[in-house]
């Protein structure tokens, strides 16, 4: 089961809302919510980085955190 811990990024471009994504209290990934300057993608979640070499999802986007769960679980 994944958990999402809200954090704030120190970002100059405005995408400051983010989550740490954990599984069994181990950091799996970090995702940020895209801001208005991303146009039609605004509000979507963007995978900033992944800490599991088996997951090839860095740079992917999801509309919701529930979708992010599916993306990570499917790898």
N, C-alpha and C. Protein backbone atom coordinates (compact mmCIF):
# COMPACT_ATOMS: atom_id res chain seq x y z
N UNK A 1 0.84 -1.18 0.00
CA UNK A 1 0.00 0.00 0.00
C UNK A 1 0.89 1.25 0.00
N UNK A 2 0.56 2.19 -0.85
CA UNK A 2 1.30 3.43 -0.93
C UNK A 2 0.67 4.49 -0.04
N UNK A 3 1.53 5.36 0.50
CA UNK A 3 1.05 6.52 1.23
C UNK A 3 1.66 7.76 0.59
N UNK A 4 0.94 8.86 0.68
CA UNK A 4 1.36 10.12 0.10
C UNK A 4 1.50 11.15 1.23
N UNK A 5 2.72 11.66 1.40
CA UNK A 5 2.98 12.65 2.44
C UNK A 5 3.19 14.00 1.77
N UNK A 6 2.30 14.97 2.03
CA UNK A 6 2.43 16.29 1.39
C UNK A 6 3.72 17.00 1.84
N UNK A 7 4.36 17.65 0.88
CA UNK A 7 5.55 18.47 1.15
C UNK A 7 5.48 19.69 0.24
N UNK A 8 6.37 20.63 0.49
CA UNK A 8 6.50 21.80 -0.37
C UNK A 8 7.90 21.80 -0.96
N UNK A 9 7.98 21.98 -2.27
CA UNK A 9 9.28 22.05 -2.94
C UNK A 9 9.78 23.48 -2.98
N UNK A 10 11.07 23.64 -2.89
CA UNK A 10 11.67 24.96 -3.07
C UNK A 10 11.96 25.11 -4.56
N UNK A 11 10.95 25.58 -5.28
CA UNK A 11 11.04 25.65 -6.74
C UNK A 11 10.82 27.08 -7.21
N UNK A 12 11.61 27.51 -8.16
CA UNK A 12 11.50 28.87 -8.69
C UNK A 12 10.40 29.00 -9.74
N UNK A 13 9.89 27.89 -10.24
CA UNK A 13 8.93 27.92 -11.35
C UNK A 13 7.49 27.80 -10.91
N UNK A 14 7.22 27.73 -9.61
CA UNK A 14 5.85 27.73 -9.13
C UNK A 14 5.25 26.38 -8.82
N UNK A 15 5.86 25.28 -9.23
CA UNK A 15 5.33 23.96 -8.92
C UNK A 15 5.85 23.53 -7.56
N UNK A 16 5.24 24.08 -6.49
CA UNK A 16 5.73 23.84 -5.14
C UNK A 16 4.99 22.73 -4.41
N UNK A 17 3.73 22.45 -4.77
CA UNK A 17 2.97 21.41 -4.11
C UNK A 17 3.49 20.05 -4.56
N UNK A 18 3.79 19.18 -3.59
CA UNK A 18 4.36 17.88 -3.93
C UNK A 18 3.99 16.84 -2.88
N UNK A 19 4.30 15.60 -3.19
CA UNK A 19 4.11 14.50 -2.24
C UNK A 19 5.32 13.58 -2.28
N UNK A 20 5.66 13.07 -1.10
CA UNK A 20 6.58 11.94 -1.01
C UNK A 20 5.71 10.71 -1.13
N UNK A 21 6.11 9.76 -1.95
CA UNK A 21 5.34 8.54 -2.14
C UNK A 21 6.10 7.42 -1.45
N UNK A 22 5.46 6.81 -0.46
CA UNK A 22 6.12 5.79 0.35
C UNK A 22 5.38 4.46 0.28
N UNK A 23 6.15 3.39 0.41
CA UNK A 23 5.60 2.04 0.55
C UNK A 23 6.28 1.44 1.77
N UNK A 24 5.50 1.08 2.75
CA UNK A 24 6.04 0.49 3.99
C UNK A 24 7.12 1.40 4.58
N UNK A 25 6.82 2.70 4.62
CA UNK A 25 7.71 3.71 5.18
C UNK A 25 9.05 3.84 4.45
N UNK A 26 9.10 3.40 3.20
CA UNK A 26 10.30 3.53 2.35
C UNK A 26 9.95 4.44 1.18
N UNK A 27 10.83 5.41 0.89
CA UNK A 27 10.57 6.38 -0.17
C UNK A 27 10.69 5.73 -1.54
N UNK A 28 9.59 5.80 -2.30
CA UNK A 28 9.53 5.21 -3.63
C UNK A 28 9.75 6.29 -4.70
N UNK A 29 9.09 7.46 -4.52
CA UNK A 29 9.15 8.51 -5.54
C UNK A 29 8.74 9.85 -4.94
N UNK A 30 8.98 10.90 -5.71
CA UNK A 30 8.50 12.24 -5.39
C UNK A 30 7.73 12.73 -6.61
N UNK A 31 6.53 13.26 -6.36
CA UNK A 31 5.72 13.80 -7.44
C UNK A 31 5.31 15.23 -7.10
N UNK A 32 5.24 16.09 -8.11
CA UNK A 32 4.80 17.46 -7.90
C UNK A 32 3.53 17.72 -8.71
N UNK A 33 2.73 18.66 -8.21
CA UNK A 33 1.51 19.05 -8.93
C UNK A 33 1.86 20.18 -9.87
N UNK A 34 1.52 20.03 -11.14
CA UNK A 34 1.86 21.01 -12.16
C UNK A 34 1.01 22.26 -12.02
N UNK A 35 1.66 23.43 -12.13
CA UNK A 35 0.99 24.72 -11.99
C UNK A 35 0.36 25.20 -13.28
N UNK A 36 -0.27 26.37 -13.18
CA UNK A 36 -1.00 26.96 -14.30
C UNK A 36 -0.15 27.19 -15.54
N UNK A 37 1.13 27.43 -15.36
CA UNK A 37 1.99 27.70 -16.52
C UNK A 37 2.21 26.45 -17.39
N UNK A 38 1.65 25.31 -16.99
CA UNK A 38 1.73 24.08 -17.78
C UNK A 38 0.51 23.91 -18.68
N UNK A 39 -0.33 24.95 -18.75
CA UNK A 39 -1.48 24.91 -19.65
C UNK A 39 -2.45 23.80 -19.31
N UNK A 40 -2.77 22.98 -20.30
CA UNK A 40 -3.74 21.90 -20.14
C UNK A 40 -3.33 20.83 -19.16
N UNK A 41 -2.06 20.76 -18.81
CA UNK A 41 -1.59 19.75 -17.85
C UNK A 41 -1.65 20.27 -16.41
N UNK A 42 -2.04 21.54 -16.23
CA UNK A 42 -2.11 22.12 -14.88
C UNK A 42 -2.99 21.26 -13.98
N UNK A 43 -2.52 21.03 -12.77
CA UNK A 43 -3.27 20.22 -11.81
C UNK A 43 -2.90 18.76 -11.82
N UNK A 44 -2.23 18.30 -12.87
CA UNK A 44 -1.81 16.91 -12.93
C UNK A 44 -0.57 16.70 -12.05
N UNK A 45 -0.32 15.45 -11.69
CA UNK A 45 0.84 15.09 -10.88
C UNK A 45 1.94 14.59 -11.80
N UNK A 46 3.16 15.07 -11.58
CA UNK A 46 4.33 14.76 -12.39
C UNK A 46 5.35 14.03 -11.53
N UNK A 47 5.82 12.88 -11.99
CA UNK A 47 6.82 12.11 -11.25
C UNK A 47 8.18 12.77 -11.45
N UNK A 48 8.68 13.40 -10.39
CA UNK A 48 9.97 14.10 -10.45
C UNK A 48 11.13 13.11 -10.43
N UNK A 49 11.06 12.15 -9.53
CA UNK A 49 12.14 11.17 -9.41
C UNK A 49 11.62 9.90 -8.79
N UNK A 50 12.31 8.81 -9.07
CA UNK A 50 11.95 7.48 -8.57
C UNK A 50 13.19 6.87 -7.92
N UNK A 51 12.99 6.18 -6.81
CA UNK A 51 14.11 5.58 -6.08
C UNK A 51 14.14 4.07 -6.19
N UNK A 52 13.47 3.53 -7.19
CA UNK A 52 13.44 2.09 -7.43
C UNK A 52 13.82 1.90 -8.90
N UNK A 53 14.99 1.32 -9.14
CA UNK A 53 15.48 1.16 -10.52
C UNK A 53 14.53 0.36 -11.40
N UNK A 54 13.67 -0.45 -10.81
CA UNK A 54 12.74 -1.25 -11.58
C UNK A 54 11.56 -0.45 -12.13
N UNK A 55 11.31 0.72 -11.54
CA UNK A 55 10.21 1.57 -12.01
C UNK A 55 10.72 2.52 -13.07
N UNK A 56 10.13 2.49 -14.22
CA UNK A 56 10.51 3.37 -15.33
C UNK A 56 9.41 4.41 -15.53
N UNK A 57 9.12 5.18 -14.49
CA UNK A 57 8.00 6.11 -14.56
C UNK A 57 8.40 7.57 -14.37
N UNK A 58 9.68 7.87 -14.16
CA UNK A 58 10.10 9.26 -13.99
C UNK A 58 9.70 10.06 -15.23
N UNK A 59 9.17 11.25 -15.00
CA UNK A 59 8.74 12.10 -16.11
C UNK A 59 7.31 11.85 -16.57
N UNK A 60 6.65 10.86 -15.99
CA UNK A 60 5.26 10.58 -16.38
C UNK A 60 4.30 11.48 -15.60
N UNK A 61 3.08 11.65 -16.13
CA UNK A 61 2.05 12.46 -15.48
C UNK A 61 0.83 11.62 -15.21
N UNK A 62 0.11 12.00 -14.14
CA UNK A 62 -1.16 11.36 -13.79
C UNK A 62 -2.14 12.44 -13.35
N UNK A 63 -3.40 12.24 -13.65
CA UNK A 63 -4.43 13.22 -13.30
C UNK A 63 -4.67 13.26 -11.79
N UNK A 64 -4.59 12.11 -11.12
CA UNK A 64 -4.88 12.03 -9.68
C UNK A 64 -3.84 11.18 -8.98
N UNK A 65 -3.84 11.28 -7.66
CA UNK A 65 -2.93 10.42 -6.89
C UNK A 65 -3.38 8.96 -6.95
N UNK A 66 -4.66 8.72 -7.14
CA UNK A 66 -5.13 7.35 -7.33
C UNK A 66 -4.54 6.76 -8.62
N UNK A 67 -4.49 7.57 -9.67
CA UNK A 67 -3.86 7.13 -10.92
C UNK A 67 -2.37 6.89 -10.71
N UNK A 68 -1.74 7.73 -9.86
CA UNK A 68 -0.32 7.56 -9.57
C UNK A 68 -0.09 6.21 -8.87
N UNK A 69 -1.00 5.84 -7.98
CA UNK A 69 -0.90 4.54 -7.31
C UNK A 69 -0.90 3.42 -8.34
N UNK A 70 -1.83 3.47 -9.28
CA UNK A 70 -1.89 2.45 -10.33
C UNK A 70 -0.62 2.41 -11.15
N UNK A 71 -0.11 3.58 -11.51
CA UNK A 71 1.12 3.67 -12.31
C UNK A 71 2.29 3.00 -11.58
N UNK A 72 2.43 3.29 -10.30
CA UNK A 72 3.53 2.74 -9.52
C UNK A 72 3.35 1.25 -9.29
N UNK A 73 2.14 0.83 -8.95
CA UNK A 73 1.89 -0.58 -8.68
C UNK A 73 2.12 -1.43 -9.94
N UNK A 74 1.80 -0.88 -11.10
CA UNK A 74 2.00 -1.62 -12.35
C UNK A 74 3.43 -1.53 -12.84
N UNK A 75 4.17 -0.52 -12.35
CA UNK A 75 5.58 -0.34 -12.68
C UNK A 75 5.78 0.01 -14.11
